Amino acid sequence: MEHTPNLNLKKPGLTDNILISDINENMDVLDAAVSELQKGTTAIPDLETEDKTLGGAINEVKKEMADHQIDPMPHMYVDNGITYRWGFRTVKGEPQIIYEEVTG
């Protein structure tokens, strides 16, 4: 008998006898996992995205949001070898794109 990689659920093979107790155990595992998801997991750092934990990804986004609020020109681009910083602001409720040449 094989088992699933994440929840270790029992996967009977084509020639295995299927036991009600195995199905019930699988249901208990699934019920507990869904219950944790509904409550909100207490182990967010253990949930991974492709290259970082979910907790790390959330913190990274929070930092980027804070950086955007602190720095009105957080973006950079290069045009004909000259580097510029750019961003957005509002003046009297009107949005404006702002930029300046980066020197030094």
C-alpha atoms as a PDB file:
ATOM      1  CA  MET A   1       0.000   0.000   0.000  1.00  0.00           C
ATOM      2  CA  GLU A   2       1.263   3.476  -0.886  1.00  0.00           C
ATOM      3  CA  HIS A   3       0.763   6.664   1.125  1.00  0.00           C
ATOM      4  CA  THR A   4       0.273  10.262   0.020  1.00  0.00           C
ATOM      5  CA  PRO A   5       3.355  12.481   0.498  1.00  0.00           C
ATOM      6  CA  ASN A   6       1.752  15.282   2.519  1.00  0.00           C
ATOM      7  CA  LEU A   7      -0.905  13.823   4.797  1.00  0.00           C
ATOM      8  CA  ASN A   8       0.287  10.218   4.691  1.00  0.00           C
ATOM      9  CA  LEU A   9      -3.161   9.027   3.593  1.00  0.00           C
ATOM     10  CA  LYS A  10      -3.432   5.355   2.733  1.00  0.00           C
ATOM     11  CA  LYS A  11      -3.675   4.616  -1.012  1.00  0.00           C
ATOM     12  CA  PRO A  12      -4.640   1.028  -1.654  1.00  0.00           C
ATOM     13  CA  GLY A  13      -3.200  -0.489  -4.808  1.00  0.00           C
ATOM     14  CA  LEU A  14      -5.314  -2.145  -7.473  1.00  0.00           C
ATOM     15  CA  THR A  15      -4.817  -5.571  -5.912  1.00  0.00           C
ATOM     16  CA  ASP A  16      -5.043  -4.496  -2.225  1.00  0.00           C
ATOM     17  CA  ASN A  17      -8.077  -5.242  -0.112  1.00  0.00           C
ATOM     18  CA  ILE A  18      -9.899  -2.049   0.809  1.00  0.00           C
ATOM     19  CA  LEU A  19     -10.568  -1.811   4.520  1.00  0.00           C
ATOM     20  CA  ILE A  20     -13.230   0.457   5.974  1.00  0.00           C
ATOM     21  CA  SER A  21     -10.826   1.196   8.834  1.00  0.00           C
ATOM     22  CA  ASP A  22      -8.296   2.606   6.305  1.00  0.00           C
ATOM     23  CA  ILE A  23     -10.965   4.821   4.759  1.00  0.00           C
ATOM     24  CA  ASN A  24     -12.044   6.003   8.207  1.00  0.00           C
ATOM     25  CA  GLU A  25      -8.444   6.806   9.188  1.00  0.00           C
ATOM     26  CA  ASN A  26      -8.030   8.814   5.983  1.00  0.00           C
ATOM     27  CA  MET A  27     -11.269  10.683   6.729  1.00  0.00           C
ATOM     28  CA  ASP A  28     -10.057  11.530  10.247  1.00  0.00           C
ATOM     29  CA  VAL A  29      -6.783  12.914   8.871  1.00  0.00           C
ATOM     30  CA  LEU A  30      -8.624  14.973   6.237  1.00  0.00           C
ATOM     31  CA  ASP A  31     -11.132  16.250   8.798  1.00  0.00           C
ATOM     32  CA  ALA A  32      -8.345  17.380  11.132  1.00  0.00           C
ATOM     33  CA  ALA A  33      -6.436  19.083   8.288  1.00  0.00           C
ATOM     34  CA  VAL A  34      -9.516  20.938   7.036  1.00  0.00           C
ATOM     35  CA  SER A  35     -10.403  21.946  10.592  1.00  0.00           C
ATOM     36  CA  GLU A  36      -6.935  23.483  11.055  1.00  0.00           C
ATOM     37  CA  LEU A  37      -7.311  25.395   7.788  1.00  0.00           C
ATOM     38  CA  GLN A  38     -10.730  26.701   8.830  1.00  0.00           C
ATOM     39  CA  LYS A  39      -9.382  27.858  12.205  1.00  0.00           C
ATOM     40  CA  GLY A  40      -6.254  29.319  10.678  1.00  0.00           C
ATOM     41  CA  THR A  41      -3.043  27.429  11.048  1.00  0.00           C
ATOM     42  CA  THR A  42      -0.704  28.253  13.889  1.00  0.00           C
ATOM     43  CA  ALA A  43       2.283  27.131  11.834  1.00  0.00           C
ATOM     44  CA  ILE A  44       2.267  29.585   8.909  1.00  0.00           C
ATOM     45  CA  PRO A  45       6.082  29.462   8.569  1.00  0.00           C
ATOM     46  CA  ASP A  46       5.757  25.756   7.743  1.00  0.00           C
ATOM     47  CA  LEU A  47       3.590  26.467   4.685  1.00  0.00           C
ATOM     48  CA  GLU A  48       5.928  27.058   1.767  1.00  0.00           C
ATOM     49  CA  THR A  49       5.637  28.907  -1.500  1.00  0.00           C
ATOM     50  CA  GLU A  50       7.999  27.963  -4.302  1.00  0.00           C
ATOM     51  CA  ASP A  51      11.092  29.500  -2.766  1.00  0.00           C
ATOM     52  CA  LYS A  52      10.228  30.800   0.711  1.00  0.00           C
ATOM     53  CA  THR A  53       7.857  30.177   3.559  1.00  0.00           C
ATOM     54  CA  LEU A  54       4.451  31.825   3.454  1.00  0.00           C
ATOM     55  CA  GLY A  55       5.342  33.774   6.591  1.00  0.00           C
ATOM     56  CA  GLY A  56       8.504  35.057   4.901  1.00  0.00           C
ATOM     57  CA  ALA A  57       6.544  36.027   1.784  1.00  0.00           C
ATOM     58  CA  ILE A  58       3.981  37.930   3.876  1.00  0.00           C
ATOM     59  CA  ASN A  59       6.728  39.766   5.754  1.00  0.00           C
ATOM     60  CA  GLU A  60       8.445  40.618   2.468  1.00  0.00           C
ATOM     61  CA  VAL A  61       5.227  42.114   1.081  1.00  0.00           C
ATOM     62  CA  LYS A  62       4.650  44.064   4.307  1.00  0.00           C
ATOM     63  CA  LYS A  63       8.169  45.513   4.070  1.00  0.00           C
ATOM     64  CA  GLU A  64       7.655  46.492   0.423  1.00  0.00           C
ATOM     65  CA  MET A  65       4.378  48.200   1.353  1.00  0.00           C
ATOM     66  CA  ALA A  66       6.090  50.110   4.162  1.00  0.00           C
ATOM     67  CA  ASP A  67       8.961  51.082   1.849  1.00  0.00           C
ATOM     68  CA  HIS A  68       6.473  52.421  -0.701  1.00  0.00           C
ATOM     69  CA  GLN A  69       4.765  54.517   1.955  1.00  0.00           C
ATOM     70  CA  ILE A  70       8.078  55.932   3.203  1.00  0.00           C
ATOM     71  CA  ASP A  71       9.773  56.504  -0.173  1.00  0.00           C
ATOM     72  CA  PRO A  72       7.604  58.279  -2.779  1.00  0.00           C
ATOM     73  CA  MET A  73      10.053  57.226  -5.540  1.00  0.00           C
ATOM     74  CA  PRO A  74      10.928  53.572  -4.843  1.00  0.00           C
ATOM     75  CA  HIS A  75      11.285  52.526  -8.496  1.00  0.00           C
ATOM     76  CA  MET A  76      14.250  52.937 -10.840  1.00  0.00           C
ATOM     77  CA  TYR A  77      14.767  52.753 -14.569  1.00  0.00           C
ATOM     78  CA  VAL A  78      17.613  53.435 -17.011  1.00  0.00           C
ATOM     79  CA  ASP A  79      17.178  55.491 -20.182  1.00  0.00           C
ATOM     80  CA  ASN A  80      20.149  56.030 -22.511  1.00  0.00           C
ATOM     81  CA  GLY A  81      22.566  55.135 -19.721  1.00  0.00           C
ATOM     82  CA  ILE A  82      20.994  57.591 -17.233  1.00  0.00           C
ATOM     83  CA  THR A  83      19.336  56.157 -14.128  1.00  0.00           C
ATOM     84  CA  TYR A  84      16.120  57.698 -12.831  1.00  0.00           C
ATOM     85  CA  ARG A  85      14.054  57.128  -9.681  1.00  0.00           C
ATOM     86  CA  TRP A  86      10.306  57.393 -10.100  1.00  0.00           C
ATOM     87  CA  GLY A  87       7.063  57.061  -8.205  1.00  0.00           C
ATOM     88  CA  PHE A  88       3.634  58.556  -7.608  1.00  0.00           C
ATOM     89  CA  ARG A  89       2.200  61.301  -5.447  1.00  0.00           C
ATOM     90  CA  THR A  90      -0.983  63.326  -5.265  1.00  0.00           C
ATOM     91  CA  VAL A  91      -1.261  67.100  -5.254  1.00  0.00           C
ATOM     92  CA  LYS A  92      -4.678  68.465  -4.250  1.00  0.00           C
ATOM     93  CA  GLY A  93      -6.124  65.010  -4.946  1.00  0.00           C
ATOM     94  CA  GLU A  94      -4.631  64.778  -8.437  1.00  0.00           C
ATOM     95  CA  PRO A  95      -2.220  61.872  -9.091  1.00  0.00           C
ATOM     96  CA  GLN A  96       1.193  62.713 -10.516  1.00  0.00           C
ATOM     97  CA  ILE A  97       4.105  60.630 -11.752  1.00  0.00           C
ATOM     98  CA  ILE A  98       7.336  62.026 -10.334  1.00  0.00           C
ATOM     99  CA  TYR A  99      10.928  61.236 -11.275  1.00  0.00           C
ATOM    100  CA  GLU A 100      14.462  62.486 -10.870  1.00  0.00           C
ATOM    101  CA  GLU A 101      17.886  61.634 -12.211  1.00  0.00           C
ATOM    102  CA  VAL A 102      20.035  59.576  -9.854  1.00  0.00           C
ATOM    103  CA  THR A 103      23.445  61.167  -9.441  1.00  0.00           C
ATOM    104  CA  GLY A 104      26.624  59.824  -7.955  1.00  0.00           C
END
